[in-house]
PDB file of N, CA and C in Angstrom:
ATOM      1  N   MET A   1      -1.436  21.353   7.049  1.00  0.00           N
ATOM      2  CA  MET A   1      -2.269  20.421   7.351  1.00  0.00           C
ATOM      3  C   MET A   1      -1.680  19.112   6.657  1.00  0.00           C
ATOM      4  N   GLU A   2      -1.656  17.955   7.409  1.00  0.00           N
ATOM      5  CA  GLU A   2      -1.310  16.652   6.862  1.00  0.00           C
ATOM      6  C   GLU A   2      -2.092  15.985   6.029  1.00  0.00           C
ATOM      7  N   THR A   3      -1.980  15.525   4.635  1.00  0.00           N
ATOM      8  CA  THR A   3      -2.992  14.823   3.805  1.00  0.00           C
ATOM      9  C   THR A   3      -3.087  13.258   4.416  1.00  0.00           C
ATOM     10  N   PRO A   4      -4.351  13.216   4.515  1.00  0.00           N
ATOM     11  CA  PRO A   4      -4.666  11.468   5.355  1.00  0.00           C
ATOM     12  C   PRO A   4      -4.522  10.419   4.110  1.00  0.00           C
ATOM     13  N   CYS A   5      -4.088   9.755   4.362  1.00  0.00           N
ATOM     14  CA  CYS A   5      -3.852   8.454   3.471  1.00  0.00           C
ATOM     15  C   CYS A   5      -4.193   7.219   4.254  1.00  0.00           C
ATOM     16  N   VAL A   6      -5.190   6.400   3.882  1.00  0.00           N
ATOM     17  CA  VAL A   6      -5.546   5.222   4.569  1.00  0.00           C
ATOM     18  C   VAL A   6      -5.551   4.072   3.406  1.00  0.00           C
ATOM     19  N   TRP A   7      -4.892   2.906   3.538  1.00  0.00           N
ATOM     20  CA  TRP A   7      -5.218   1.838   2.811  1.00  0.00           C
ATOM     21  C   TRP A   7      -6.325   1.131   2.872  1.00  0.00           C
ATOM     22  N   VAL A   8      -7.015   0.920   1.999  1.00  0.00           N
ATOM     23  CA  VAL A   8      -8.423  -0.048   1.882  1.00  0.00           C
ATOM     24  C   VAL A   8      -8.050  -1.132   1.189  1.00  0.00           C
ATOM     25  N   VAL A   9      -8.132  -2.400   2.014  1.00  0.00           N
ATOM     26  CA  VAL A   9      -7.841  -3.758   1.394  1.00  0.00           C
ATOM     27  C   VAL A   9      -9.146  -4.222   0.625  1.00  0.00           C
ATOM     28  N   THR A  10      -9.157  -4.554  -0.766  1.00  0.00           N
ATOM     29  CA  THR A  10     -10.055  -4.992  -1.274  1.00  0.00           C
ATOM     30  C   THR A  10     -10.007  -6.643  -1.707  1.00  0.00           C
ATOM     31  N   ARG A  11      -8.694  -6.979  -1.672  1.00  0.00           N
ATOM     32  CA  ARG A  11      -8.460  -8.380  -1.861  1.00  0.00           C
ATOM     33  C   ARG A  11      -7.042  -8.755  -1.126  1.00  0.00           C
ATOM     34  N   CYS A  12      -6.796  -9.773  -0.467  1.00  0.00           N
ATOM     35  CA  CYS A  12      -5.904 -10.106   0.095  1.00  0.00           C
ATOM     36  C   CYS A  12      -5.825 -11.671   0.373  1.00  0.00           C
ATOM     37  N   GLY A  13      -4.740 -12.262   0.014  1.00  0.00           N
ATOM     38  CA  GLY A  13      -4.448 -13.757   0.359  1.00  0.00           C
ATOM     39  C   GLY A  13      -3.344 -13.872  -0.598  1.00  0.00           C
ATOM     40  N   PRO A  14      -3.133 -15.524  -0.794  1.00  0.00           N
ATOM     41  CA  PRO A  14      -2.080 -15.925  -1.569  1.00  0.00           C
ATOM     42  C   PRO A  14      -2.486 -15.491  -3.135  1.00  0.00           C
ATOM     43  N   SER A  15      -1.600 -14.795  -3.659  1.00  0.00           N
ATOM     44  CA  SER A  15      -1.611 -14.531  -5.068  1.00  0.00           C
ATOM     45  C   SER A  15      -2.928 -13.695  -5.253  1.00  0.00           C
ATOM     46  N   GLY A  16      -3.196 -12.923  -4.207  1.00  0.00           N
ATOM     47  CA  GLY A  16      -4.521 -11.938  -4.452  1.00  0.00           C
ATOM     48  C   GLY A  16      -5.776 -12.705  -4.505  1.00  0.00           C
ATOM     49  N   ARG A  17      -5.778 -13.984  -3.966  1.00  0.00           N
ATOM     50  CA  ARG A  17      -7.164 -14.645  -3.622  1.00  0.00           C
ATOM     51  C   ARG A  17      -7.806 -13.908  -2.571  1.00  0.00           C
ATOM     52  N   ARG A  18      -9.037 -13.926  -2.597  1.00  0.00           N
ATOM     53  CA  ARG A  18      -9.886 -13.282  -1.527  1.00  0.00           C
ATOM     54  C   ARG A  18      -9.503 -14.310  -0.300  1.00  0.00           C
ATOM     55  N   GLY A  19      -9.385 -13.709   0.879  1.00  0.00           N
ATOM     56  CA  GLY A  19      -8.997 -14.561   2.186  1.00  0.00           C
ATOM     57  C   GLY A  19      -8.826 -13.424   3.417  1.00  0.00           C
ATOM     58  N   THR A  20      -8.113 -14.095   4.466  1.00  0.00           N
ATOM     59  CA  THR A  20      -8.001 -13.172   5.522  1.00  0.00           C
ATOM     60  C   THR A  20      -6.511 -12.471   5.534  1.00  0.00           C
ATOM     61  N   PRO A  21      -6.514 -11.282   5.857  1.00  0.00           N
ATOM     62  CA  PRO A  21      -5.141 -10.710   5.393  1.00  0.00           C
ATOM     63  C   PRO A  21      -4.239 -11.471   6.514  1.00  0.00           C
ATOM     64  N   ARG A  22      -3.006 -11.522   6.039  1.00  0.00           N
ATOM     65  CA  ARG A  22      -1.969 -12.395   6.820  1.00  0.00           C
ATOM     66  C   ARG A  22      -0.686 -11.883   6.357  1.00  0.00           C
ATOM     67  N   THR A  23       0.400 -12.265   7.005  1.00  0.00           N
ATOM     68  CA  THR A  23       1.845 -12.128   6.566  1.00  0.00           C
ATOM     69  C   THR A  23       2.319 -13.103   5.982  1.00  0.00           C
ATOM     70  N   GLY A  24       3.411 -13.217   5.667  1.00  0.00           N
ATOM     71  CA  GLY A  24       4.162 -14.356   4.794  1.00  0.00           C
ATOM     72  C   GLY A  24       3.948 -14.157   3.366  1.00  0.00           C
ATOM     73  N   ALA A  25       3.553 -15.096   2.545  1.00  0.00           N
ATOM     74  CA  ALA A  25       3.429 -15.067   1.234  1.00  0.00           C
ATOM     75  C   ALA A  25       2.196 -14.379   0.797  1.00  0.00           C
ATOM     76  N   ALA A  26       1.371 -13.775   1.474  1.00  0.00           N
ATOM     77  CA  ALA A  26       0.083 -13.169   1.006  1.00  0.00           C
ATOM     78  C   ALA A  26       0.351 -11.919   0.322  1.00  0.00           C
ATOM     79  N   ARG A  27      -0.308 -11.586  -0.643  1.00  0.00           N
ATOM     80  CA  ARG A  27      -0.262 -10.386  -1.632  1.00  0.00           C
ATOM     81  C   ARG A  27      -1.749  -9.792  -1.413  1.00  0.00           C
ATOM     82  N   CYS A  28      -1.661  -8.405  -1.079  1.00  0.00           N
ATOM     83  CA  CYS A  28      -2.888  -7.663  -1.162  1.00  0.00           C
ATOM     84  C   CYS A  28      -3.044  -6.675  -1.944  1.00  0.00           C
ATOM     85  N   ARG A  29      -4.231  -6.338  -2.539  1.00  0.00           N
ATOM     86  CA  ARG A  29      -4.623  -5.366  -3.238  1.00  0.00           C
ATOM     87  C   ARG A  29      -5.732  -4.454  -2.721  1.00  0.00           C
ATOM     88  N   GLY A  30      -5.500  -3.133  -3.154  1.00  0.00           N
ATOM     89  CA  GLY A  30      -6.714  -2.267  -2.602  1.00  0.00           C
ATOM     90  C   GLY A  30      -6.666  -1.220  -3.335  1.00  0.00           C
ATOM     91  N   VAL A  31      -7.380   0.057  -2.708  1.00  0.00           N
ATOM     92  CA  VAL A  31      -7.343   1.191  -3.248  1.00  0.00           C
ATOM     93  C   VAL A  31      -6.516   2.191  -2.290  1.00  0.00           C
ATOM     94  N   VAL A  32      -6.292   3.451  -3.036  1.00  0.00           N
ATOM     95  CA  VAL A  32      -5.579   4.581  -2.158  1.00  0.00           C
ATOM     96  C   VAL A  32      -6.440   5.621  -2.070  1.00  0.00           C
ATOM     97  N   PRO A  33      -6.996   5.900  -0.846  1.00  0.00           N
ATOM     98  CA  PRO A  33      -8.044   7.342  -0.832  1.00  0.00           C
ATOM     99  C   PRO A  33      -6.997   8.337  -0.310  1.00  0.00           C
ATOM    100  N   LEU A  34      -7.205   9.637  -0.736  1.00  0.00           N
ATOM    101  CA  LEU A  34      -6.635  10.590  -0.267  1.00  0.00           C
ATOM    102  C   LEU A  34      -7.529  11.775  -0.170  1.00  0.00           C
ATOM    103  N   ASP A  35      -7.503  12.462   1.009  1.00  0.00           N
ATOM    104  CA  ASP A  35      -8.746  13.530   1.096  1.00  0.00           C
ATOM    105  C   ASP A  35      -9.934  12.972   0.549  1.00  0.00           C
ATOM    106  N   GLY A  36     -10.373  11.854   1.003  1.00  0.00           N
ATOM    107  CA  GLY A  36     -11.796  11.342   0.678  1.00  0.00           C
ATOM    108  C   GLY A  36     -12.060  11.029  -0.720  1.00  0.00           C
ATOM    109  N   TRP A  37     -10.976  10.953  -1.752  1.00  0.00           N
ATOM    110  CA  TRP A  37     -11.260  10.446  -3.111  1.00  0.00           C
ATOM    111  C   TRP A  37     -10.083   9.314  -3.200  1.00  0.00           C
ATOM    112  N   VAL A  38     -10.564   8.371  -4.103  1.00  0.00           N
ATOM    113  CA  VAL A  38      -9.717   7.051  -4.309  1.00  0.00           C
ATOM    114  C   VAL A  38      -8.909   7.679  -5.512  1.00  0.00           C
ATOM    115  N   VAL A  39      -7.567   7.716  -5.547  1.00  0.00           N
ATOM    116  CA  VAL A  39      -6.564   8.272  -6.331  1.00  0.00           C
ATOM    117  C   VAL A  39      -6.065   7.203  -7.036  1.00  0.00           C
ATOM    118  N   GLY A  40      -5.897   6.083  -6.404  1.00  0.00           N
ATOM    119  CA  GLY A  40      -5.085   5.115  -7.115  1.00  0.00           C
ATOM    120  C   GLY A  40      -5.376   3.689  -6.523  1.00  0.00           C
ATOM    121  N   ALA A  41      -4.763   2.764  -7.182  1.00  0.00           N
ATOM    122  CA  ALA A  41      -4.777   1.358  -6.734  1.00  0.00           C
ATOM    123  C   ALA A  41      -3.283   0.728  -6.258  1.00  0.00           C
ATOM    124  N   TRP A  42      -3.309  -0.141  -5.191  1.00  0.00           N
ATOM    125  CA  TRP A  42      -2.029  -0.394  -4.815  1.00  0.00           C
ATOM    126  C   TRP A  42      -1.819  -2.043  -4.630  1.00  0.00           C
ATOM    127  N   ASN A  43      -0.861  -2.641  -4.903  1.00  0.00           N
ATOM    128  CA  ASN A  43      -0.547  -3.960  -4.709  1.00  0.00           C
ATOM    129  C   ASN A  43       0.667  -4.125  -3.670  1.00  0.00           C
ATOM    130  N   VAL A  44       0.731  -4.969  -2.836  1.00  0.00           N
ATOM    131  CA  VAL A  44       1.631  -5.179  -1.760  1.00  0.00           C
ATOM    132  C   VAL A  44       2.050  -6.690  -1.602  1.00  0.00           C
ATOM    133  N   GLY A  45       3.210  -6.933  -1.839  1.00  0.00           N
ATOM    134  CA  GLY A  45       3.936  -8.053  -1.695  1.00  0.00           C
ATOM    135  C   GLY A  45       5.073  -7.949  -0.818  1.00  0.00           C
ATOM    136  N   GLU A  46       5.600  -9.165  -0.243  1.00  0.00           N
ATOM    137  CA  GLU A  46       6.791  -9.354   0.560  1.00  0.00           C
ATOM    138  C   GLU A  46       7.943 -10.057  -0.188  1.00  0.00           C
ATOM    139  N   GLN A  47       9.347  -9.480  -0.034  1.00  0.00           N
ATOM    140  CA  GLN A  47      10.513 -10.063  -0.532  1.00  0.00           C
ATOM    141  C   GLN A  47      11.412 -10.242   0.574  1.00  0.00           C
ATOM    142  N   GLY A  48      11.566 -11.075   1.295  1.00  0.00           N
ATOM    143  CA  GLY A  48      12.674 -11.111   2.234  1.00  0.00           C
ATOM    144  C   GLY A  48      11.819 -10.376   3.542  1.00  0.00           C
ATOM    145  N   GLU A  49      12.637  -9.305   3.857  1.00  0.00           N
ATOM    146  CA  GLU A  49      12.244  -8.465   5.086  1.00  0.00           C
ATOM    147  C   GLU A  49      11.632  -7.303   4.556  1.00  0.00           C
ATOM    148  N   ARG A  50      11.590  -6.938   3.228  1.00  0.00           N
ATOM    149  CA  ARG A  50      11.200  -5.883   2.553  1.00  0.00           C
ATOM    150  C   ARG A  50       9.650  -6.042   1.993  1.00  0.00           C
ATOM    151  N   LEU A  51       8.916  -4.988   2.214  1.00  0.00           N
ATOM    152  CA  LEU A  51       7.564  -4.900   1.710  1.00  0.00           C
ATOM    153  C   LEU A  51       7.699  -4.133   0.398  1.00  0.00           C
ATOM    154  N   ASN A  52       6.897  -4.612  -0.644  1.00  0.00           N
ATOM    155  CA  ASN A  52       7.067  -4.022  -1.916  1.00  0.00           C
ATOM    156  C   ASN A  52       5.672  -3.680  -2.126  1.00  0.00           C
ATOM    157  N   VAL A  53       5.690  -2.238  -2.412  1.00  0.00           N
ATOM    158  CA  VAL A  53       4.244  -1.550  -2.633  1.00  0.00           C
ATOM    159  C   VAL A  53       4.313  -0.797  -3.966  1.00  0.00           C
ATOM    160  N   SER A  54       3.277  -1.463  -4.822  1.00  0.00           N
ATOM    161  CA  SER A  54       3.234  -0.844  -6.134  1.00  0.00           C
ATOM    162  C   SER A  54       1.979   0.113  -6.038  1.00  0.00           C
ATOM    163  N   VAL A  55       2.056   1.225  -6.368  1.00  0.00           N
ATOM    164  CA  VAL A  55       0.957   2.193  -6.510  1.00  0.00           C
ATOM    165  C   VAL A  55       0.834   2.506  -7.976  1.00  0.00           C
ATOM    166  N   SER A  56      -0.472   2.309  -8.565  1.00  0.00           N
ATOM    167  CA  SER A  56      -0.955   2.844  -9.775  1.00  0.00           C
ATOM    168  C   SER A  56      -1.948   3.950  -9.631  1.00  0.00           C
ATOM    169  N   ALA A  57      -1.356   5.432  -9.984  1.00  0.00           N
ATOM    170  CA  ALA A  57      -2.334   6.335  -9.628  1.00  0.00           C
ATOM    171  C   ALA A  57      -3.189   6.571 -10.805  1.00  0.00           C
ATOM    172  N   PHE A  58      -4.353   6.994 -10.484  1.00  0.00           N
ATOM    173  CA  PHE A  58      -5.416   7.273 -11.491  1.00  0.00           C
ATOM    174  C   PHE A  58      -4.970   8.668 -12.069  1.00  0.00           C
ATOM    175  N   GLU A  59      -4.319   9.576 -11.270  1.00  0.00           N
ATOM    176  CA  GLU A  59      -4.069  10.808 -11.773  1.00  0.00           C
ATOM    177  C   GLU A  59      -2.815  11.352 -11.132  1.00  0.00           C
ATOM    178  N   SER A  60      -2.218  12.330 -11.527  1.00  0.00           N
ATOM    179  CA  SER A  60      -0.925  12.805 -11.011  1.00  0.00           C
ATOM    180  C   SER A  60      -0.830  13.026  -9.733  1.00  0.00           C
ATOM    181  N   LEU A  61       0.163  12.663  -8.929  1.00  0.00           N
ATOM    182  CA  LEU A  61       0.233  12.842  -7.385  1.00  0.00           C
ATOM    183  C   LEU A  61       1.459  13.669  -7.294  1.00  0.00           C
ATOM    184  N   GLY A  62       1.186  14.774  -6.534  1.00  0.00           N
ATOM    185  CA  GLY A  62       2.152  15.687  -6.141  1.00  0.00           C
ATOM    186  C   GLY A  62       3.016  15.163  -4.962  1.00  0.00           C
ATOM    187  N   ALA A  63       4.142  15.889  -4.700  1.00  0.00           N
ATOM    188  CA  ALA A  63       5.057  15.357  -3.698  1.00  0.00           C
ATOM    189  C   ALA A  63       4.364  15.139  -2.447  1.00  0.00           C
ATOM    190  N   ARG A  64       3.604  16.039  -1.892  1.00  0.00           N
ATOM    191  CA  ARG A  64       2.966  15.887  -0.583  1.00  0.00           C
ATOM    192  C   ARG A  64       2.185  14.590  -0.738  1.00  0.00           C
ATOM    193  N   ASP A  65       1.463  14.325  -1.444  1.00  0.00           N
ATOM    194  CA  ASP A  65       0.500  13.023  -1.617  1.00  0.00           C
ATOM    195  C   ASP A  65       1.681  11.693  -1.703  1.00  0.00           C
ATOM    196  N   ARG A  66       2.690  11.801  -2.536  1.00  0.00           N
ATOM    197  CA  ARG A  66       3.443  10.652  -2.314  1.00  0.00           C
ATOM    198  C   ARG A  66       4.211  10.430  -1.225  1.00  0.00           C
ATOM    199  N   GLU A  67       4.589  11.613  -0.368  1.00  0.00           N
ATOM    200  CA  GLU A  67       4.959  11.420   0.896  1.00  0.00           C
ATOM    201  C   GLU A  67       3.948  10.811   1.944  1.00  0.00           C
ATOM    202  N   ALA A  68       2.832  11.234   1.721  1.00  0.00           N
ATOM    203  CA  ALA A  68       1.834  10.567   2.577  1.00  0.00           C
ATOM    204  C   ALA A  68       1.445   9.103   2.368  1.00  0.00           C
ATOM    205  N   ILE A  69       1.516   8.577   1.005  1.00  0.00           N
ATOM    206  CA  ILE A  69       1.585   7.309   0.767  1.00  0.00           C
ATOM    207  C   ILE A  69       2.701   6.522   1.221  1.00  0.00           C
ATOM    208  N   GLU A  70       3.915   7.056   1.261  1.00  0.00           N
ATOM    209  CA  GLU A  70       5.119   6.550   1.599  1.00  0.00           C
ATOM    210  C   GLU A  70       5.009   6.217   3.066  1.00  0.00           C
ATOM    211  N   ARG A  71       4.508   7.289   3.931  1.00  0.00           N
ATOM    212  CA  ARG A  71       4.388   7.162   5.346  1.00  0.00           C
ATOM    213  C   ARG A  71       3.508   5.946   5.647  1.00  0.00           C
ATOM    214  N   GLU A  72       2.570   5.873   4.908  1.00  0.00           N
ATOM    215  CA  GLU A  72       1.426   4.781   5.133  1.00  0.00           C
ATOM    216  C   GLU A  72       2.314   3.530   4.902  1.00  0.00           C
ATOM    217  N   ALA A  73       2.882   3.409   4.056  1.00  0.00           N
ATOM    218  CA  ALA A  73       3.615   2.270   3.595  1.00  0.00           C
ATOM    219  C   ALA A  73       4.562   1.814   4.531  1.00  0.00           C
ATOM    220  N   ARG A  74       5.211   2.698   5.122  1.00  0.00           N
ATOM    221  CA  ARG A  74       5.969   2.281   6.257  1.00  0.00           C
ATOM    222  C   ARG A  74       5.189   1.691   7.519  1.00  0.00           C
ATOM    223  N   SER A  75       4.130   2.386   7.726  1.00  0.00           N
ATOM    224  CA  SER A  75       3.155   2.038   8.888  1.00  0.00           C
ATOM    225  C   SER A  75       2.757   0.409   8.633  1.00  0.00           C
ATOM    226  N   VAL A  76       2.460   0.271   7.335  1.00  0.00           N
ATOM    227  CA  VAL A  76       1.883  -1.185   6.934  1.00  0.00           C
ATOM    228  C   VAL A  76       3.070  -1.943   7.169  1.00  0.00           C
ATOM    229  N   ALA A  77       4.163  -1.708   6.466  1.00  0.00           N
ATOM    230  CA  ALA A  77       5.320  -2.408   6.846  1.00  0.00           C
ATOM    231  C   ALA A  77       5.759  -3.028   8.226  1.00  0.00           C
ATOM    232  N   SER A  78       5.597  -2.017   9.170  1.00  0.00           N
ATOM    233  CA  SER A  78       5.763  -2.153  10.470  1.00  0.00           C
ATOM    234  C   SER A  78       4.754  -3.450  11.014  1.00  0.00           C
ATOM    235  N   LEU A  79       3.533  -2.990  10.657  1.00  0.00           N
ATOM    236  CA  LEU A  79       2.483  -3.988  11.080  1.00  0.00           C
ATOM    237  C   LEU A  79       2.567  -5.469  10.553  1.00  0.00           C
ATOM    238  N   ARG A  80       3.353  -5.409   9.357  1.00  0.00           N
ATOM    239  CA  ARG A  80       3.369  -6.816   8.701  1.00  0.00           C
ATOM    240  C   ARG A  80       4.839  -7.434   9.277  1.00  0.00           C
ATOM    241  N   GLU A  81       5.440  -6.700  10.164  1.00  0.00           N
ATOM    242  CA  GLU A  81       6.836  -7.128  10.535  1.00  0.00           C
ATOM    243  C   GLU A  81       8.002  -7.017   9.483  1.00  0.00           C
ATOM    244  N   ALA A  82       7.756  -6.209   8.672  1.00  0.00           N
ATOM    245  CA  ALA A  82       8.895  -6.097   7.574  1.00  0.00           C
ATOM    246  C   ALA A  82       9.791  -4.839   8.237  1.00  0.00           C
ATOM    247  N   ASP A  83      10.910  -5.198   7.844  1.00  0.00           N
ATOM    248  CA  ASP A  83      12.053  -4.172   8.083  1.00  0.00           C
ATOM    249  C   ASP A  83      12.101  -3.078   7.397  1.00  0.00           C
ATOM    250  N   ARG A  84      11.331  -2.878   6.179  1.00  0.00           N
ATOM    251  CA  ARG A  84      11.131  -1.795   5.509  1.00  0.00           C
ATOM    252  C   ARG A  84      10.287  -1.667   4.240  1.00  0.00           C
ATOM    253  N   ALA A  85      10.016  -0.608   3.988  1.00  0.00           N
ATOM    254  CA  ALA A  85       8.862  -0.501   2.549  1.00  0.00           C
ATOM    255  C   ALA A  85       9.590   0.079   1.519  1.00  0.00           C
ATOM    256  N   GLU A  86       9.356  -0.397   0.338  1.00  0.00           N
ATOM    257  CA  GLU A  86       9.801   0.142  -1.014  1.00  0.00           C
ATOM    258  C   GLU A  86       8.529   0.509  -1.867  1.00  0.00           C
ATOM    259  N   VAL A  87       8.173   1.643  -2.026  1.00  0.00           N
ATOM    260  CA  VAL A  87       7.237   2.378  -2.843  1.00  0.00           C
ATOM    261  C   VAL A  87       7.482   2.275  -4.226  1.00  0.00           C
ATOM    262  N   ILE A  88       6.990   1.751  -5.264  1.00  0.00           N
ATOM    263  CA  ILE A  88       6.942   2.259  -6.404  1.00  0.00           C
ATOM    264  C   ILE A  88       5.733   2.906  -7.259  1.00  0.00           C
ATOM    265  N   PHE A  89       5.843   3.985  -7.679  1.00  0.00           N
ATOM    266  CA  PHE A  89       4.754   4.610  -8.399  1.00  0.00           C
ATOM    267  C   PHE A  89       4.654   4.411  -9.812  1.00  0.00           C
ATOM    268  N   ASP A  90       3.752   3.725 -10.466  1.00  0.00           N
ATOM    269  CA  ASP A  90       3.360   3.452 -11.837  1.00  0.00           C
ATOM    270  C   ASP A  90       3.320   4.603 -12.603  1.00  0.00           C
TER     271      ASP A  90
END
């Protein structure tokens, strides 16, 4: 069974200010829920054609959970018209 992962945006806009989600220089912050639990926070920014996703986990994440987060990052990259996503786990 695949672990569901959904990005929940809590702040989005230039330099993290509240605003409407958009592409370009926008940076977004939010939480990472897995299996109904918030397991971390994420910060997204763009660098050229790459989407940089930094995940600060509140607990240890297994390989399956990390893979689910990386899949979701690729989906977000596609929506934001980035060529690829790079995920860094803090």
